C-alpha atoms as a PDB file:
ATOM      1  CA  MET A   1     102.406 118.550 -54.734  1.00  0.00           C
ATOM      2  CA  GLY A   2     100.296 121.024 -52.525  1.00  0.00           C
ATOM      3  CA  GLN A   3     101.285 118.870 -49.466  1.00  0.00           C
ATOM      4  CA  ARG A   4     104.973 119.042 -50.363  1.00  0.00           C
ATOM      5  CA  LEU A   5     104.770 122.916 -50.682  1.00  0.00           C
ATOM      6  CA  ALA A   6     102.961 123.330 -47.444  1.00  0.00           C
ATOM      7  CA  ASN A   7     105.676 121.052 -45.854  1.00  0.00           C
ATOM      8  CA  GLU A   8     108.449 123.316 -47.188  1.00  0.00           C
ATOM      9  CA  ALA A   9     106.668 126.383 -46.191  1.00  0.00           C
ATOM     10  CA  GLY A  10     106.327 124.981 -42.681  1.00  0.00           C
ATOM     11  CA  ARG A  11     109.933 123.982 -42.431  1.00  0.00           C
ATOM     12  CA  THR A  12     110.959 127.529 -43.455  1.00  0.00           C
ATOM     13  CA  GLN A  13     108.825 129.175 -40.923  1.00  0.00           C
ATOM     14  CA  ALA A  14     110.005 126.653 -38.268  1.00  0.00           C
ATOM     15  CA  GLU A  15     113.590 127.684 -38.907  1.00  0.00           C
ATOM     16  CA  GLN A  16     112.725 131.405 -38.819  1.00  0.00           C
ATOM     17  CA  ARG A  17     111.050 130.822 -35.313  1.00  0.00           C
ATOM     18  CA  GLY A  18     114.317 129.272 -34.219  1.00  0.00           C
ATOM     19  CA  GLU A  19     112.923 125.866 -33.755  1.00  0.00           C
ATOM     20  CA  ASP A  20     115.186 122.736 -34.160  1.00  0.00           C
ATOM     21  CA  VAL A  21     114.131 121.421 -37.499  1.00  0.00           C
ATOM     22  CA  THR A  22     116.206 118.270 -37.033  1.00  0.00           C
ATOM     23  CA  ARG A  23     114.076 117.245 -34.194  1.00  0.00           C
ATOM     24  CA  LEU A  24     110.986 117.811 -36.216  1.00  0.00           C
ATOM     25  CA  GLU A  25     112.136 115.673 -39.178  1.00  0.00           C
ATOM     26  CA  GLY A  26     111.140 111.981 -39.473  1.00  0.00           C
ATOM     27  CA  ARG A  27     107.924 112.383 -37.648  1.00  0.00           C
ATOM     28  CA  GLY A  28     105.808 111.589 -40.713  1.00  0.00           C
ATOM     29  CA  ARG A  29     103.798 114.713 -40.594  1.00  0.00           C
ATOM     30  CA  PRO A  30     104.291 118.036 -42.205  1.00  0.00           C
ATOM     31  CA  PHE A  31     105.893 120.945 -40.423  1.00  0.00           C
ATOM     32  CA  PRO A  32     103.451 123.290 -38.624  1.00  0.00           C
ATOM     33  CA  LEU A  33     102.654 126.541 -40.352  1.00  0.00           C
ATOM     34  CA  ALA A  34     102.964 129.828 -38.634  1.00  0.00           C
ATOM     35  CA  ALA A  35     101.418 129.772 -35.228  1.00  0.00           C
ATOM     36  CA  PRO A  36     100.640 132.847 -32.973  1.00  0.00           C
ATOM     37  CA  ASP A  37     103.451 134.063 -30.815  1.00  0.00           C
ATOM     38  CA  ARG A  38     103.804 131.928 -27.666  1.00  0.00           C
ATOM     39  CA  ARG A  39     104.859 133.961 -24.746  1.00  0.00           C
ATOM     40  CA  ARG A  40     105.931 131.065 -22.713  1.00  0.00           C
ATOM     41  CA  ASN A  41     108.743 130.300 -25.179  1.00  0.00           C
ATOM     42  CA  ALA A  42     111.908 132.503 -25.054  1.00  0.00           C
ATOM     43  CA  ILE A  43     115.105 132.469 -27.345  1.00  0.00           C
ATOM     44  CA  VAL A  44     118.011 131.700 -25.449  1.00  0.00           C
ATOM     45  CA  VAL A  45     121.236 133.191 -26.753  1.00  0.00           C
ATOM     46  CA  ASP A  46     124.820 132.478 -25.531  1.00  0.00           C
ATOM     47  CA  PRO A  47     125.512 135.495 -23.349  1.00  0.00           C
ATOM     48  CA  HIS A  48     129.226 135.539 -24.114  1.00  0.00           C
ATOM     49  CA  VAL A  49     128.599 136.225 -27.780  1.00  0.00           C
ATOM     50  CA  ASP A  50     128.146 139.856 -28.858  1.00  0.00           C
ATOM     51  CA  VAL A  51     124.894 139.936 -30.644  1.00  0.00           C
ATOM     52  CA  ASN A  52     123.378 142.807 -32.534  1.00  0.00           C
ATOM     53  CA  PRO A  53     119.643 142.886 -31.651  1.00  0.00           C
ATOM     54  CA  LYS A  54     118.862 144.957 -34.630  1.00  0.00           C
ATOM     55  CA  ALA A  55     120.465 142.291 -37.107  1.00  0.00           C
ATOM     56  CA  PRO A  56     117.720 140.793 -39.509  1.00  0.00           C
ATOM     57  CA  MET A  57     116.464 137.327 -38.642  1.00  0.00           C
ATOM     58  CA  GLY A  58     115.874 136.242 -42.245  1.00  0.00           C
ATOM     59  CA  GLY A  59     117.094 133.183 -43.805  1.00  0.00           C
ATOM     60  CA  VAL A  60     117.326 129.714 -42.372  1.00  0.00           C
ATOM     61  CA  GLY A  61     118.130 129.538 -38.768  1.00  0.00           C
ATOM     62  CA  GLY A  62     118.410 133.172 -38.315  1.00  0.00           C
ATOM     63  CA  ARG A  63     121.420 134.134 -40.498  1.00  0.00           C
ATOM     64  CA  GLY A  64     121.367 137.666 -39.164  1.00  0.00           C
ATOM     65  CA  LEU A  65     122.918 136.437 -36.004  1.00  0.00           C
ATOM     66  CA  GLN A  66     126.581 135.233 -35.653  1.00  0.00           C
ATOM     67  CA  ALA A  67     127.064 131.641 -36.766  1.00  0.00           C
ATOM     68  CA  SER A  68     128.397 130.671 -33.287  1.00  0.00           C
ATOM     69  CA  VAL A  69     125.140 131.811 -31.599  1.00  0.00           C
ATOM     70  CA  ALA A  70     122.947 128.843 -30.533  1.00  0.00           C
ATOM     71  CA  VAL A  71     119.276 129.726 -30.824  1.00  0.00           C
ATOM     72  CA  ARG A  72     116.658 127.457 -29.275  1.00  0.00           C
ATOM     73  CA  THR A  73     113.381 127.708 -27.455  1.00  0.00           C
ATOM     74  CA  ARG A  74     113.300 127.253 -23.638  1.00  0.00           C
ATOM     75  CA  THR A  75     110.539 127.661 -21.145  1.00  0.00           C
ATOM     76  CA  PRO A  76     110.718 130.412 -18.480  1.00  0.00           C
ATOM     77  CA  GLN A  77     111.026 127.640 -15.691  1.00  0.00           C
ATOM     78  CA  ALA A  78     114.067 126.085 -17.420  1.00  0.00           C
ATOM     79  CA  ALA A  79     115.607 129.698 -17.991  1.00  0.00           C
ATOM     80  CA  ARG A  80     115.254 130.405 -14.293  1.00  0.00           C
ATOM     81  CA  ARG A  81     116.703 126.982 -13.190  1.00  0.00           C
ATOM     82  CA  LYS A  82     119.646 127.719 -15.384  1.00  0.00           C
ATOM     83  CA  ASP A  83     120.131 131.220 -13.983  1.00  0.00           C
ATOM     84  CA  ARG A  84     120.164 129.641 -10.388  1.00  0.00           C
ATOM     85  CA  LEU A  85     122.799 127.172 -11.346  1.00  0.00           C
ATOM     86  CA  LEU A  86     124.921 129.909 -12.863  1.00  0.00           C
ATOM     87  CA  LEU A  87     124.474 132.057  -9.758  1.00  0.00           C
ATOM     88  CA  GLN A  88     125.419 129.112  -7.537  1.00  0.00           C
ATOM     89  CA  ALA A  89     128.418 128.232  -9.765  1.00  0.00           C
ATOM     90  CA  SER A  90     129.574 132.032  -9.480  1.00  0.00           C
ATOM     91  CA  MET A  91     129.181 132.189  -5.639  1.00  0.00           C
ATOM     92  CA  GLU A  92     131.280 129.045  -5.403  1.00  0.00           C
ATOM     93  CA  GLU A  93     133.922 130.534  -7.567  1.00  0.00           C
ATOM     94  CA  VAL A  94     134.034 133.633  -5.373  1.00  0.00           C
ATOM     95  CA  LEU A  95     134.237 131.666  -2.225  1.00  0.00           C
ATOM     96  CA  GLY A  96     136.830 129.377  -3.753  1.00  0.00           C
ATOM     97  CA  SER A  97     138.942 132.383  -4.669  1.00  0.00           C
ATOM     98  CA  LEU A  98     139.337 133.368  -0.903  1.00  0.00           C
ATOM     99  CA  GLY A  99     142.725 132.581   0.548  1.00  0.00           C
ATOM    100  CA  ALA A 100     143.427 129.947   2.976  1.00  0.00           C
ATOM    101  CA  GLU A 101     143.227 132.585   5.778  1.00  0.00           C
ATOM    102  CA  GLY A 102     140.034 134.125   4.375  1.00  0.00           C
ATOM    103  CA  ALA A 103     141.956 136.898   2.630  1.00  0.00           C
ATOM    104  CA  VAL A 104     139.667 138.626  -0.055  1.00  0.00           C
ATOM    105  CA  PRO A 105     141.341 138.846  -3.467  1.00  0.00           C
ATOM    106  CA  GLU A 106     142.253 142.271  -4.871  1.00  0.00           C
ATOM    107  CA  VAL A 107     139.413 143.904  -6.847  1.00  0.00           C
ATOM    108  CA  ALA A 108     140.229 146.600  -9.604  1.00  0.00           C
ATOM    109  CA  MET A 109     138.686 149.967  -8.413  1.00  0.00           C
ATOM    110  CA  ALA A 110     135.938 151.480 -10.368  1.00  0.00           C
ATOM    111  CA  THR A 111     136.618 154.504 -12.500  1.00  0.00           C
ATOM    112  CA  GLU A 112     133.699 156.413 -10.910  1.00  0.00           C
ATOM    113  CA  PRO A 113     133.258 156.701  -7.280  1.00  0.00           C
ATOM    114  CA  VAL A 114     130.726 154.468  -5.724  1.00  0.00           C
ATOM    115  CA  ALA A 115     128.173 156.146  -3.397  1.00  0.00           C
ATOM    116  CA  VAL A 116     127.937 154.508  -0.086  1.00  0.00           C
ATOM    117  CA  GLY A 117     124.263 154.017   0.939  1.00  0.00           C
ATOM    118  CA  PRO A 118     123.075 154.607   4.550  1.00  0.00           C
ATOM    119  CA  ALA A 119     123.525 151.974   7.285  1.00  0.00           C
ATOM    120  CA  VAL A 120     120.681 149.456   7.446  1.00  0.00           C
ATOM    121  CA  PRO A 121     118.862 150.148  10.795  1.00  0.00           C
ATOM    122  CA  SER A 122     118.770 147.224  13.249  1.00  0.00           C
ATOM    123  CA  LEU A 123     115.761 145.236  14.292  1.00  0.00           C
ATOM    124  CA  VAL A 124     115.338 147.288  17.496  1.00  0.00           C
ATOM    125  CA  ASP A 125     115.641 150.645  15.665  1.00  0.00           C
ATOM    126  CA  ARG A 126     113.176 149.735  13.233  1.00  0.00           C
ATOM    127  CA  TYR A 127     110.364 148.396  15.497  1.00  0.00           C
ATOM    128  CA  PHE A 128     111.080 150.046  18.786  1.00  0.00           C
ATOM    129  CA  THR A 129     111.431 153.592  20.216  1.00  0.00           C
ATOM    130  CA  ARG A 130     114.229 154.265  22.610  1.00  0.00           C
ATOM    131  CA  TRP A 131     113.393 155.845  26.013  1.00  0.00           C
ATOM    132  CA  TYR A 132     115.910 156.484  28.799  1.00  0.00           C
ATOM    133  CA  LYS A 133     115.857 156.900  32.588  1.00  0.00           C
ATOM    134  CA  ALA A 134     119.079 158.521  33.812  1.00  0.00           C
ATOM    135  CA  ASP A 135     120.390 158.016  37.555  1.00  0.00           C
ATOM    136  CA  VAL A 136     117.507 155.771  38.551  1.00  0.00           C
ATOM    137  CA  LYS A 137     116.741 156.280  42.260  1.00  0.00           C
ATOM    138  CA  GLY A 138     119.365 159.011  42.436  1.00  0.00           C
ATOM    139  CA  LYS A 139     122.291 156.527  41.911  1.00  0.00           C
ATOM    140  CA  PRO A 140     124.792 158.268  39.436  1.00  0.00           C
ATOM    141  CA  CYS A 141     125.254 156.614  35.977  1.00  0.00           C
ATOM    142  CA  GLU A 142     122.694 153.807  36.801  1.00  0.00           C
ATOM    143  CA  ASP A 143     120.803 154.465  33.561  1.00  0.00           C
ATOM    144  CA  HIS A 144     118.022 152.400  32.172  1.00  0.00           C
ATOM    145  CA  CYS A 145     116.765 151.956  28.590  1.00  0.00           C
ATOM    146  CA  ILE A 146     113.071 151.228  27.769  1.00  0.00           C
ATOM    147  CA  LEU A 147     112.349 149.922  24.236  1.00  0.00           C
ATOM    148  CA  GLN A 148     108.659 150.742  23.526  1.00  0.00           C
ATOM    149  CA  HIS A 149     106.947 148.928  20.721  1.00  0.00           C
ATOM    150  CA  SER A 150     104.041 150.386  18.812  1.00  0.00           C
ATOM    151  CA  ASN A 151     101.835 147.810  20.465  1.00  0.00           C
ATOM    152  CA  ARG A 152     102.681 149.628  23.845  1.00  0.00           C
ATOM    153  CA  ILE A 153     104.910 146.670  25.008  1.00  0.00           C
ATOM    154  CA  CYS A 154     107.966 147.885  26.776  1.00  0.00           C
ATOM    155  CA  VAL A 155     111.230 145.979  27.121  1.00  0.00           C
ATOM    156  CA  ILE A 156     113.431 146.961  29.900  1.00  0.00           C
ATOM    157  CA  THR A 157     117.189 146.878  29.272  1.00  0.00           C
ATOM    158  CA  LEU A 158     120.321 148.556  30.594  1.00  0.00           C
ATOM    159  CA  ALA A 159     121.477 151.768  28.908  1.00  0.00           C
ATOM    160  CA  GLU A 160     124.903 151.817  27.170  1.00  0.00           C
ATOM    161  CA  SER A 161     126.374 154.037  30.233  1.00  0.00           C
ATOM    162  CA  HIS A 162     125.303 151.726  33.031  1.00  0.00           C
ATOM    163  CA  PRO A 163     128.285 150.601  35.148  1.00  0.00           C
ATOM    164  CA  VAL A 164     127.585 147.105  34.390  1.00  0.00           C
ATOM    165  CA  LEU A 165     128.315 147.443  30.751  1.00  0.00           C
ATOM    166  CA  GLN A 166     131.603 149.321  31.348  1.00  0.00           C
ATOM    167  CA  SER A 167     134.851 147.569  30.758  1.00  0.00           C
ATOM    168  CA  GLY A 168     136.456 145.522  33.549  1.00  0.00           C
ATOM    169  CA  LYS A 169     133.071 144.596  34.934  1.00  0.00           C
ATOM    170  CA  THR A 170     132.308 140.883  35.526  1.00  0.00           C
ATOM    171  CA  ILE A 171     129.007 139.795  36.419  1.00  0.00           C
ATOM    172  CA  LYS A 172     129.058 137.189  39.075  1.00  0.00           C
ATOM    173  CA  SER A 173     125.145 136.402  39.378  1.00  0.00           C
ATOM    174  CA  ILE A 174     121.799 137.778  38.705  1.00  0.00           C
ATOM    175  CA  SER A 175     118.652 137.212  40.811  1.00  0.00           C
ATOM    176  CA  TYR A 176     114.955 137.882  40.349  1.00  0.00           C
ATOM    177  CA  GLN A 177     114.341 137.296  44.034  1.00  0.00           C
ATOM    178  CA  ILE A 178     113.782 141.024  45.078  1.00  0.00           C
ATOM    179  CA  SER A 179     112.635 140.262  48.640  1.00  0.00           C
ATOM    180  CA  THR A 180     112.151 137.323  50.824  1.00  0.00           C
ATOM    181  CA  ASN A 181     108.551 136.745  49.819  1.00  0.00           C
ATOM    182  CA  CYS A 182     108.605 138.244  46.260  1.00  0.00           C
ATOM    183  CA  SER A 183     110.319 136.691  43.217  1.00  0.00           C
ATOM    184  CA  ARG A 184     109.659 137.904  39.643  1.00  0.00           C
ATOM    185  CA  LEU A 185     110.224 134.210  38.598  1.00  0.00           C
ATOM    186  CA  GLN A 186     106.819 133.444  40.277  1.00  0.00           C
ATOM    187  CA  ASN A 187     105.104 135.724  37.717  1.00  0.00           C
ATOM    188  CA  LYS A 188     102.598 133.651  35.915  1.00  0.00           C
ATOM    189  CA  VAL A 189     100.466 135.162  33.139  1.00  0.00           C
ATOM    190  CA  SER A 190      97.499 133.451  31.621  1.00  0.00           C
ATOM    191  CA  GLY A 191      94.493 134.177  29.480  1.00  0.00           C
ATOM    192  CA  LYS A 192      93.485 136.921  27.076  1.00  0.00           C
ATOM    193  CA  PHE A 193      93.473 139.585  30.106  1.00  0.00           C
ATOM    194  CA  LYS A 194      96.933 138.510  31.343  1.00  0.00           C
ATOM    195  CA  ARG A 195      95.682 137.230  34.744  1.00  0.00           C
ATOM    196  CA  GLY A 196      98.240 136.689  37.348  1.00  0.00           C
ATOM    197  CA  ALA A 197     100.567 139.262  36.074  1.00  0.00           C
ATOM    198  CA  GLN A 198     102.403 141.219  38.856  1.00  0.00           C
ATOM    199  CA  PHE A 199     101.728 144.962  38.779  1.00  0.00           C
ATOM    200  CA  LEU A 200     104.826 147.145  38.689  1.00  0.00           C
ATOM    201  CA  THR A 201     105.385 150.897  39.621  1.00  0.00           C
ATOM    202  CA  GLU A 202     108.148 153.101  38.081  1.00  0.00           C
ATOM    203  CA  LEU A 203     110.373 152.369  40.893  1.00  0.00           C
ATOM    204  CA  ALA A 204     109.468 148.645  41.339  1.00  0.00           C
ATOM    205  CA  PRO A 205     112.527 146.489  41.409  1.00  0.00           C
ATOM    206  CA  LEU A 206     112.922 143.733  38.725  1.00  0.00           C
ATOM    207  CA  CYS A 207     116.271 142.070  39.517  1.00  0.00           C
ATOM    208  CA  LYS A 208     119.632 142.412  41.272  1.00  0.00           C
ATOM    209  CA  ILE A 209     122.919 142.184  39.462  1.00  0.00           C
ATOM    210  CA  TYR A 210     125.990 141.091  41.608  1.00  0.00           C
ATOM    211  CA  CYS A 211     129.406 141.774  40.178  1.00  0.00           C
ATOM    212  CA  SER A 212     132.660 140.117  41.027  1.00  0.00           C
ATOM    213  CA  ASP A 213     134.170 143.387  42.602  1.00  0.00           C
ATOM    214  CA  GLY A 214     131.365 143.342  45.235  1.00  0.00           C
ATOM    215  CA  GLU A 215     129.046 146.032  43.743  1.00  0.00           C
ATOM    216  CA  GLU A 216     125.430 145.365  43.492  1.00  0.00           C
ATOM    217  CA  TYR A 217     122.820 146.993  41.167  1.00  0.00           C
ATOM    218  CA  THR A 218     119.164 147.029  41.443  1.00  0.00           C
ATOM    219  CA  ILE A 219     117.187 147.151  38.087  1.00  0.00           C
ATOM    220  CA  SER A 220     113.897 149.015  38.204  1.00  0.00           C
ATOM    221  CA  SER A 221     110.851 148.884  35.829  1.00  0.00           C
ATOM    222  CA  CYS A 222     110.890 152.621  35.093  1.00  0.00           C
ATOM    223  CA  VAL A 223     107.322 152.262  33.723  1.00  0.00           C
ATOM    224  CA  ARG A 224     103.957 151.312  35.287  1.00  0.00           C
ATOM    225  CA  GLY A 225     102.309 148.199  33.987  1.00  0.00           C
ATOM    226  CA  ARG A 226     101.950 144.436  34.357  1.00  0.00           C
ATOM    227  CA  LEU A 227     105.040 142.156  34.290  1.00  0.00           C
ATOM    228  CA  MET A 228     104.662 139.974  31.138  1.00  0.00           C
ATOM    229  CA  GLU A 229     107.759 137.974  31.457  1.00  0.00           C
ATOM    230  CA  VAL A 230     111.497 138.026  32.757  1.00  0.00           C
ATOM    231  CA  ASN A 231     114.454 136.911  30.843  1.00  0.00           C
ATOM    232  CA  GLU A 232     115.546 133.625  32.537  1.00  0.00           C
ATOM    233  CA  ASN A 233     118.467 133.130  29.977  1.00  0.00           C
ATOM    234  CA  ILE A 234     120.627 135.648  31.802  1.00  0.00           C
ATOM    235  CA  LEU A 235     120.334 133.527  34.948  1.00  0.00           C
ATOM    236  CA  HIS A 236     122.173 130.836  33.300  1.00  0.00           C
ATOM    237  CA  LYS A 237     124.457 132.945  31.121  1.00  0.00           C
ATOM    238  CA  PRO A 238     124.947 136.359  32.651  1.00  0.00           C
ATOM    239  CA  SER A 239     127.594 137.330  30.054  1.00  0.00           C
ATOM    240  CA  ILE A 240     124.767 138.003  27.338  1.00  0.00           C
ATOM    241  CA  LEU A 241     123.544 140.771  29.466  1.00  0.00           C
ATOM    242  CA  GLN A 242     126.711 142.587  28.718  1.00  0.00           C
ATOM    243  CA  GLU A 243     127.259 141.278  25.135  1.00  0.00           C
ATOM    244  CA  LYS A 244     123.820 141.868  23.714  1.00  0.00           C
ATOM    245  CA  PRO A 245     121.923 144.190  26.269  1.00  0.00           C
ATOM    246  CA  SER A 246     119.315 145.426  23.731  1.00  0.00           C
ATOM    247  CA  THR A 247     118.315 142.082  22.458  1.00  0.00           C
ATOM    248  CA  GLU A 248     118.960 138.604  24.035  1.00  0.00           C
ATOM    249  CA  GLY A 249     120.168 140.212  27.266  1.00  0.00           C
ATOM    250  CA  TYR A 250     116.972 142.195  28.187  1.00  0.00           C
ATOM    251  CA  ILE A 251     115.759 142.106  31.695  1.00  0.00           C
ATOM    252  CA  ALA A 252     111.906 141.949  31.451  1.00  0.00           C
ATOM    253  CA  VAL A 253     108.842 142.908  29.397  1.00  0.00           C
ATOM    254  CA  VAL A 254     106.177 145.130  30.789  1.00  0.00           C
ATOM    255  CA  LEU A 255     102.728 145.904  29.401  1.00  0.00           C
ATOM    256  CA  PRO A 256     101.540 149.315  30.466  1.00  0.00           C
ATOM    257  CA  LYS A 257      97.698 149.985  30.774  1.00  0.00           C
ATOM    258  CA  PHE A 258      96.046 151.178  27.622  1.00  0.00           C
ATOM    259  CA  GLU A 259      95.111 154.544  28.999  1.00  0.00           C
ATOM    260  CA  GLU A 260      98.648 155.142  30.250  1.00  0.00           C
ATOM    261  CA  SER A 261     100.497 153.841  27.204  1.00  0.00           C
ATOM    262  CA  LYS A 262     101.171 157.516  26.143  1.00  0.00           C
ATOM    263  CA  SER A 263     101.735 159.117  29.395  1.00  0.00           C
ATOM    264  CA  ILE A 264     104.332 156.622  30.729  1.00  0.00           C
ATOM    265  CA  THR A 265     107.090 158.250  28.725  1.00  0.00           C
ATOM    266  CA  GLU A 266     106.533 161.833  30.050  1.00  0.00           C
ATOM    267  CA  GLY A 267     109.210 161.291  32.690  1.00  0.00           C
ATOM    268  CA  LEU A 268     111.695 159.595  30.247  1.00  0.00           C
ATOM    269  CA  LEU A 269     114.469 160.978  28.132  1.00  0.00           C
ATOM    270  CA  THR A 270     114.425 160.705  24.238  1.00  0.00           C
ATOM    271  CA  GLN A 271     117.630 159.341  22.744  1.00  0.00           C
ATOM    272  CA  LYS A 272     118.904 162.740  21.811  1.00  0.00           C
ATOM    273  CA  GLN A 273     118.209 164.071  25.451  1.00  0.00           C
ATOM    274  CA  TYR A 274     119.895 161.001  26.899  1.00  0.00           C
ATOM    275  CA  GLU A 275     122.997 161.493  24.660  1.00  0.00           C
ATOM    276  CA  GLU A 276     123.306 165.133  25.818  1.00  0.00           C
ATOM    277  CA  VAL A 277     123.151 163.983  29.426  1.00  0.00           C
ATOM    278  CA  VAL A 278     125.976 161.612  28.782  1.00  0.00           C
ATOM    279  CA  VAL A 279     128.058 164.330  27.260  1.00  0.00           C
ATOM    280  CA  LYS A 280     127.504 166.704  29.994  1.00  0.00           C
ATOM    281  CA  ARG A 281     128.451 164.013  32.522  1.00  0.00           C
ATOM    282  CA  SER A 282     131.661 163.246  30.473  1.00  0.00           C
ATOM    283  CA  ASN A 283     132.566 166.869  30.363  1.00  0.00           C
ATOM    284  CA  ALA A 284     132.047 167.368  34.120  1.00  0.00           C
ATOM    285  CA  THR A 285     134.277 164.297  34.837  1.00  0.00           C
ATOM    286  CA  THR A 286     136.979 165.694  32.678  1.00  0.00           C
ATOM    287  CA  ALA A 287     136.731 169.113  34.328  1.00  0.00           C
ATOM    288  CA  THR A 288     137.219 167.787  37.872  1.00  0.00           C
ATOM    289  CA  SER A 289     140.014 165.464  36.858  1.00  0.00           C
END
């Protein structure tokens, strides 16, 4: 008699906890009595059914919930796996809703205006400081850009206003052979102290760019330091110098001396100062024309 009462009490408590009583039947042992709350179990409810969370849970199977709500225990790992499958299915549905030509389906506008967040900064803007050298060696508009990292590494690139990056220019070839006896491709760096690196001054040439219209441009270092490497990719594909001048189309990497890492930027322009120079140059061109 006592065993039967305990079994009935355990069955009622199992139903109140949301356990599948049919799965527990026929095992030849009584239902377990109330156990401490197990945080690893979670009650999974059909998300498409409107459920009142304040509804009472009394009665068999949680009669306070709507009859169509399925209540069962599920481990957090299974719940996360189901969420990933639902997310994947949703993404496939969104991609599948695109038209044959990639047209995005119309979306109803929100009743409240959505605030547009600030643009995400690029990798260069996040980790490098832009410095500029205008009219290098007195040649108009031949501007260089120096990307300085926090570890004092400097990446030499072309500024946006450089003639090579203007429309209509086609690069014929690029050469790191700056003289008969000196080639930047022969720069070999080894060891912790960067032995073998060529030392550069501010006006030391790095490479020469030859355009199809006959123009020739010499790219200078603009900073004092040791040459760490040159970008050989632009030799095989010169177009990346124009397409991605600040990333894949860089010219060279220079490492200034530690004691000079802060003073090398004294003769350079900040991005704001460089933009002012470009505006004045444009206004002067407009006035003369």
